[in-house]
Amino acid sequence: MANYLIIGGSSGIGKALAEKLAKAGHRVFATWHTHEVNDTIGKIVYQRLDVLNDDMAVDWLPESIDGLAYCPGSINLKPFHRIKPEEFVHDFNLQVLGAVKSIQAVLPRLKKSHSASIVLFSTVAVQRGFNFHSLIGTSKGAVEGLVRSLAAEFAPAIRVNGIAPSLTDTPLAERLVNTPEKRDANAQRHPLKRIGDPEDMANTAAFLMSAEASFITGQILHVDGGISDLKV
């Protein structure tokens, strides 16, 4: 049984990951921001946290943490000329500095584990380059740099990896998949002819955080239905 911390565990990928780990018998601690979460399986300890404004209090966590996943994010798609500089700052604060704050706060607890792992989330748009993705691509590009830098710095004690999803059916992506026509059009762009489910990403994150991935660090895994590498 391991101790896992999921930042942003109230919806989407974070919620799916927290529930998967808890059902596997692990002790799961998770944060929520906007809407308080009802723990439907009775095994997750939730704490409110605003990563943009709150200090990272860790007194509610056990002394040793075996895995940390940082899941908060945003999908703001706009033409570049319409994006104000402060929007880049806000997005960077959420996607990158929030992860930095979280990792720094629990680093002493991660160091007490015998097999600690960190998982961050990027996007397929960093590698591919899509229209109107300059905002998210900038922040997530920094996330990928953070993954590789920390993987080198923390080795061999703590493994650090990232996941780069394609479009995933979460509340963040609701406006992109809120009609059958939009869903089908986005599915057809992928070689596997569907969009991602939160469980697809949660399964990969749970693997990376587990001992089964003990020889994997510094990697960005593309869980994207083949869209980043295949043309069919």
Protein backbone atom coordinates (compact mmCIF):
# COMPACT_ATOMS: atom_id res chain seq x y z
CA MET A 1 0.00 0.00 0.00
CA ALA A 2 1.40 3.37 -1.06
CA ASN A 3 0.58 6.98 -0.19
CA TYR A 4 -0.40 9.05 -3.22
CA LEU A 5 -1.18 12.77 -3.54
CA ILE A 6 -3.31 13.99 -6.46
CA ILE A 7 -3.39 17.75 -6.93
CA GLY A 8 -6.60 18.52 -8.79
CA GLY A 9 -8.35 15.29 -7.93
CA SER A 10 -11.93 16.56 -8.10
CA SER A 11 -12.78 16.01 -11.77
CA GLY A 12 -11.57 14.70 -15.09
CA ILE A 13 -8.26 12.86 -15.18
CA GLY A 14 -7.37 13.70 -11.57
CA LYS A 15 -10.61 12.23 -10.23
CA ALA A 16 -10.26 9.11 -12.37
CA LEU A 17 -6.69 8.65 -11.14
CA ALA A 18 -7.56 9.18 -7.47
CA GLU A 19 -10.40 6.66 -7.65
CA LYS A 20 -8.30 4.09 -9.53
CA LEU A 21 -5.52 4.25 -6.95
CA ALA A 22 -7.95 4.10 -4.03
CA LYS A 23 -9.76 1.08 -5.48
CA ALA A 24 -6.38 -0.64 -5.79
CA GLY A 25 -6.00 -0.33 -2.01
CA HIS A 26 -3.67 2.64 -1.76
CA ARG A 27 -4.02 5.62 0.59
CA VAL A 28 -5.03 8.56 -1.60
CA PHE A 29 -4.96 12.23 -0.69
CA ALA A 30 -6.44 14.68 -3.19
CA THR A 31 -7.26 18.36 -3.55
CA TRP A 32 -10.23 20.21 -4.93
CA HIS A 33 -10.70 23.88 -5.77
CA THR A 34 -14.08 24.97 -7.16
CA HIS A 35 -16.48 22.25 -6.11
CA GLU A 36 -16.19 20.14 -2.99
CA VAL A 37 -16.02 16.46 -3.83
CA ASN A 38 -18.07 13.63 -2.41
CA ASP A 39 -15.85 10.61 -1.94
CA THR A 40 -18.17 7.98 -3.37
CA ILE A 41 -15.81 5.09 -2.57
CA GLY A 42 -14.95 6.19 0.96
CA LYS A 43 -11.18 5.87 0.62
CA ILE A 44 -9.94 9.31 -0.48
CA VAL A 45 -8.99 12.19 1.84
CA TYR A 46 -9.87 15.49 0.17
CA GLN A 47 -8.55 18.96 1.00
CA ARG A 48 -9.42 22.29 -0.61
CA LEU A 49 -6.54 24.02 -2.42
CA ASP A 50 -6.23 26.99 -4.77
CA VAL A 51 -2.82 26.48 -6.38
CA LEU A 52 -2.81 30.07 -7.66
CA ASN A 53 -3.27 31.72 -4.27
CA ASP A 54 -2.92 29.32 -1.35
CA ASP A 55 0.21 28.29 0.42
CA MET A 56 0.82 24.57 0.13
CA ALA A 57 0.05 23.38 3.64
CA VAL A 58 1.12 19.76 4.02
CA ASP A 59 0.25 19.05 7.65
CA TRP A 60 -2.73 16.96 6.51
CA LEU A 61 -0.48 14.56 4.63
CA PRO A 62 1.45 11.54 5.94
CA GLU A 63 5.18 11.90 6.55
CA SER A 64 6.03 9.86 3.47
CA ILE A 65 4.52 10.31 0.00
CA ASP A 66 5.18 7.69 -2.67
CA GLY A 67 3.67 9.50 -5.62
CA LEU A 68 2.51 12.96 -6.70
CA ALA A 69 0.39 13.76 -9.75
CA TYR A 70 -0.32 17.36 -10.69
CA CYS A 71 -3.54 17.51 -12.71
CA PRO A 72 -4.90 21.11 -12.80
CA GLY A 73 -5.02 22.62 -16.27
CA SER A 74 -6.87 24.76 -18.76
CA ILE A 75 -7.72 24.68 -22.45
CA ASN A 76 -7.95 28.25 -23.70
CA LEU A 77 -7.86 28.23 -27.50
CA LYS A 78 -7.56 31.66 -29.11
CA PRO A 79 -5.92 33.31 -32.09
CA PHE A 80 -2.51 34.57 -30.96
CA HIS A 81 -3.29 38.23 -31.72
CA ARG A 82 -6.22 38.15 -29.29
CA ILE A 83 -4.26 36.84 -26.31
CA LYS A 84 -3.15 39.42 -23.76
CA PRO A 85 0.28 38.95 -22.16
CA GLU A 86 -1.32 38.58 -18.73
CA GLU A 87 -3.24 35.56 -20.03
CA PHE A 88 0.08 33.84 -20.74
CA VAL A 89 1.16 34.68 -17.19
CA HIS A 90 -2.05 33.29 -15.67
CA ASP A 91 -1.83 30.09 -17.68
CA PHE A 92 1.85 29.66 -16.76
CA ASN A 93 1.04 30.18 -13.09
CA LEU A 94 -1.60 27.45 -13.20
CA GLN A 95 0.13 24.88 -15.36
CA VAL A 96 3.77 25.35 -14.35
CA LEU A 97 4.22 27.32 -11.13
CA GLY A 98 1.38 25.41 -9.48
CA ALA A 99 3.29 22.21 -10.18
CA VAL A 100 6.51 23.79 -8.91
CA LYS A 101 4.84 24.86 -5.65
CA SER A 102 3.30 21.43 -5.16
CA ILE A 103 6.55 19.56 -5.76
CA GLN A 104 8.58 21.87 -3.51
CA ALA A 105 6.03 21.56 -0.71
CA VAL A 106 6.03 17.76 -0.62
CA LEU A 107 9.62 17.12 -1.71
CA PRO A 108 10.78 16.24 1.84
CA ARG A 109 7.96 13.69 2.03
CA LEU A 110 8.80 12.25 -1.39
CA LYS A 111 12.42 11.85 -0.30
CA LYS A 112 11.28 9.66 2.60
CA SER A 113 9.79 7.14 0.19
CA HIS A 114 11.80 4.22 -1.14
CA SER A 115 10.24 4.49 -4.62
CA ALA A 116 8.82 7.97 -5.15
CA SER A 117 7.40 9.15 -8.47
CA ILE A 118 6.07 12.41 -9.89
CA VAL A 119 3.72 12.65 -12.88
CA LEU A 120 2.94 15.90 -14.70
CA PHE A 121 0.67 16.52 -17.68
CA SER A 122 1.62 18.10 -20.99
CA THR A 123 -0.32 18.01 -24.29
CA VAL A 124 0.14 16.56 -27.75
CA ALA A 125 0.08 20.15 -29.03
CA VAL A 126 3.65 20.71 -27.78
CA GLN A 127 5.04 18.20 -30.27
CA ARG A 128 2.54 18.64 -33.11
CA GLY A 129 1.73 22.34 -33.11
CA PHE A 130 -1.94 23.23 -33.65
CA ASN A 131 -3.77 26.40 -34.61
CA PHE A 132 -4.87 28.56 -31.66
CA HIS A 133 -2.80 26.52 -29.15
CA SER A 134 -0.05 29.07 -28.42
CA LEU A 135 -1.31 29.67 -24.88
CA ILE A 136 -1.46 26.06 -23.74
CA GLY A 137 1.51 25.06 -25.91
CA THR A 138 3.73 27.62 -24.20
CA SER A 139 2.88 26.47 -20.69
CA LYS A 140 2.93 22.77 -21.43
CA GLY A 141 6.24 23.14 -23.26
CA ALA A 142 7.62 24.46 -19.98
CA VAL A 143 6.09 21.47 -18.18
CA GLU A 144 8.01 19.10 -20.45
CA GLY A 145 11.22 20.98 -19.69
CA LEU A 146 10.46 20.73 -15.98
CA VAL A 147 9.90 16.97 -16.26
CA ARG A 148 13.28 16.34 -17.86
CA SER A 149 15.18 18.73 -15.60
CA LEU A 150 13.74 17.32 -12.38
CA ALA A 151 14.16 13.75 -13.58
CA ALA A 152 17.88 14.40 -13.92
CA GLU A 153 18.17 16.32 -10.66
CA PHE A 154 16.14 13.91 -8.52
CA ALA A 155 17.62 10.66 -9.87
CA PRO A 156 17.96 8.05 -8.57
CA ALA A 157 15.68 8.76 -5.60
CA ILE A 158 12.60 10.15 -7.38
CA ARG A 159 11.35 9.35 -10.86
CA VAL A 160 9.69 12.15 -12.86
CA ASN A 161 7.64 11.59 -16.00
CA GLY A 162 4.99 13.35 -18.05
CA ILE A 163 1.92 12.38 -20.02
CA ALA A 164 0.96 14.23 -23.21
CA PRO A 165 -2.72 13.51 -23.94
CA SER A 166 -4.67 14.37 -27.02
CA LEU A 167 -8.25 15.61 -26.65
CA THR A 168 -9.81 13.89 -23.65
CA ASP A 169 -13.45 13.81 -22.62
CA THR A 170 -13.22 15.92 -19.45
CA PRO A 171 -15.09 19.00 -18.20
CA LEU A 172 -12.20 21.15 -19.47
CA ALA A 173 -12.84 19.97 -23.02
CA GLU A 174 -16.63 20.09 -22.84
CA ARG A 175 -17.10 22.82 -25.44
CA LEU A 176 -14.99 20.83 -27.91
CA VAL A 177 -17.09 17.66 -27.62
CA ASN A 178 -20.52 18.93 -26.60
CA THR A 179 -22.31 17.78 -29.77
CA PRO A 180 -22.22 14.45 -31.62
CA GLU A 181 -20.84 16.28 -34.66
CA LYS A 182 -17.92 17.81 -32.73
CA ARG A 183 -17.16 14.53 -30.99
CA ASP A 184 -17.12 12.59 -34.25
CA ALA A 185 -15.04 15.20 -36.09
CA ASN A 186 -12.42 15.15 -33.34
CA ALA A 187 -12.47 11.35 -33.18
CA GLN A 188 -11.83 11.07 -36.92
CA ARG A 189 -8.62 13.12 -36.58
CA HIS A 190 -7.09 10.28 -34.55
CA PRO A 191 -5.82 7.05 -36.09
CA LEU A 192 -7.72 5.11 -33.40
CA LYS A 193 -10.90 7.00 -34.36
CA ARG A 194 -11.93 8.09 -30.89
CA ILE A 195 -11.06 10.72 -28.35
CA GLY A 196 -9.46 9.91 -25.02
CA ASP A 197 -11.25 8.98 -21.83
CA PRO A 198 -10.04 10.13 -18.39
CA GLU A 199 -9.41 6.47 -17.60
CA ASP A 200 -6.92 6.23 -20.49
CA MET A 201 -4.76 8.89 -18.84
CA ALA A 202 -5.39 7.61 -15.31
CA ASN A 203 -4.25 4.12 -16.30
CA THR A 204 -1.00 5.51 -17.69
CA ALA A 205 -0.42 7.79 -14.70
CA ALA A 206 -1.06 4.95 -12.24
CA PHE A 207 1.47 2.80 -14.11
CA LEU A 208 4.11 5.54 -14.06
CA MET A 209 3.60 6.05 -10.34
CA SER A 210 3.89 2.35 -9.59
CA ALA A 211 6.87 0.08 -9.03
CA GLU A 212 6.12 -1.50 -12.41
CA ALA A 213 7.62 1.64 -14.00
CA SER A 214 10.69 1.65 -11.77
CA PHE A 215 13.08 1.90 -14.77
CA ILE A 216 11.27 4.82 -16.44
CA THR A 217 12.13 8.46 -15.77
CA GLY A 218 12.44 11.67 -17.75
CA GLN A 219 9.92 10.52 -20.34
CA ILE A 220 6.91 12.17 -21.97
CA LEU A 221 4.43 9.43 -22.87
CA HIS A 222 2.06 10.32 -25.69
CA VAL A 223 -1.36 8.90 -24.85
CA ASP A 224 -3.04 10.37 -27.88
CA GLY A 225 -4.68 7.77 -30.10
CA GLY A 226 -1.70 7.92 -32.44
CA ILE A 227 -2.22 11.50 -33.57
CA SER A 228 1.28 12.71 -32.72
CA ASP A 229 3.16 10.17 -34.87
CA LEU A 230 0.81 8.52 -37.35
CA LYS A 231 -0.93 9.67 -40.50
CA VAL A 232 -3.55 7.30 -41.79
